[in-house]
Amino acid sequence: MSKPQDPKDPDIQGEGNYDATRRYDKAATDFVKSGKVEQAARDARPKNEAEAEALRKAEQEGKSHAKGEDPALRKGS
């Protein structure tokens, strides 16, 4: 029988790794505050039409596995 995991255990991974969540949240907040978001978005654009088409196909493939759009995405629109 396995023992319950202690949320303070540094070895917990996945959704139970609270320390990793805090580090990620801080890094994301720091990145937004850095002013580098617009440049990163420009750098992430497809380099050519073939790359853009590959991204569209990948998006459609992902959507084909989805159960549906999250209604929360439509709030306020």
Protein backbone atom coordinates (compact mmCIF):
# COMPACT_ATOMS: atom_id res chain seq x y z
CA MET A 1 0.00 0.00 0.00
CA SER A 2 1.41 3.38 -0.95
CA LYS A 3 1.53 6.24 1.51
CA PRO A 4 -0.10 9.60 0.69
CA GLN A 5 2.25 12.16 -0.80
CA ASP A 6 3.32 15.09 1.32
CA PRO A 7 2.87 18.35 -0.65
CA LYS A 8 6.11 19.64 0.92
CA ASP A 9 8.09 16.68 -0.45
CA PRO A 10 10.52 18.17 -3.05
CA ASP A 11 10.44 14.95 -5.06
CA ILE A 12 6.76 15.19 -5.95
CA GLN A 13 6.34 15.72 -9.68
CA GLY A 14 3.48 16.65 -11.97
CA GLU A 15 0.49 18.47 -10.57
CA GLY A 16 1.75 17.86 -7.06
CA ASN A 17 5.03 19.72 -7.50
CA TYR A 18 4.04 23.00 -5.88
CA ASP A 19 7.58 24.36 -5.89
CA ALA A 20 7.85 23.84 -9.65
CA THR A 21 4.52 25.62 -10.09
CA ARG A 22 5.75 28.61 -8.10
CA ARG A 23 9.00 28.72 -10.10
CA TYR A 24 7.08 28.56 -13.39
CA ASP A 25 4.65 31.29 -12.31
CA LYS A 26 7.51 33.56 -11.25
CA ALA A 27 9.43 32.95 -14.48
CA ALA A 28 6.33 33.65 -16.59
CA THR A 29 5.58 36.83 -14.63
CA ASP A 30 9.20 37.97 -14.89
CA PHE A 31 9.17 37.34 -18.66
CA VAL A 32 6.02 39.41 -19.14
CA LYS A 33 7.47 42.24 -17.05
CA SER A 34 10.73 42.10 -19.04
CA GLY A 35 9.11 43.68 -22.08
CA LYS A 36 10.35 40.90 -24.36
CA VAL A 37 6.93 39.39 -25.18
CA GLU A 38 6.37 41.26 -28.46
CA GLN A 39 9.82 40.34 -29.78
CA ALA A 40 9.34 36.70 -28.77
CA ALA A 41 5.98 36.67 -30.58
CA ARG A 42 7.61 38.08 -33.71
CA ASP A 43 10.42 35.54 -33.48
CA ALA A 44 7.88 32.70 -33.18
CA ARG A 45 6.07 33.56 -36.41
CA PRO A 46 6.27 31.00 -39.21
CA LYS A 47 9.33 31.67 -41.38
CA ASN A 48 7.55 30.78 -44.64
CA GLU A 49 4.25 29.52 -46.05
CA ALA A 50 5.30 25.86 -45.74
CA GLU A 51 5.94 26.31 -42.02
CA ALA A 52 2.63 28.17 -41.63
CA GLU A 53 0.79 25.31 -43.36
CA ALA A 54 2.49 22.74 -41.12
CA LEU A 55 1.34 24.70 -38.07
CA ARG A 56 -2.25 24.87 -39.41
CA LYS A 57 -2.24 21.10 -40.00
CA ALA A 58 -0.88 20.46 -36.51
CA GLU A 59 -3.59 22.68 -35.03
CA GLN A 60 -6.32 20.84 -36.93
CA GLU A 61 -4.89 17.49 -35.83
CA GLY A 62 -4.94 18.62 -32.22
CA LYS A 63 -8.48 19.94 -32.53
CA SER A 64 -9.63 16.66 -34.05
CA HIS A 65 -8.82 14.97 -30.73
CA ALA A 66 -10.56 17.58 -28.59
CA LYS A 67 -13.91 17.02 -26.92
CA GLY A 68 -14.94 20.58 -27.77
CA GLU A 69 -14.03 24.13 -27.03
CA ASP A 70 -13.94 25.25 -23.42
CA PRO A 71 -16.99 27.48 -22.86
CA ALA A 72 -14.89 29.61 -20.52
CA LEU A 73 -12.99 30.87 -23.57
CA ARG A 74 -16.13 32.62 -24.79
CA LYS A 75 -16.86 34.52 -21.57
CA GLY A 76 -16.92 38.27 -22.06
CA SER A 77 -16.93 38.14 -25.84
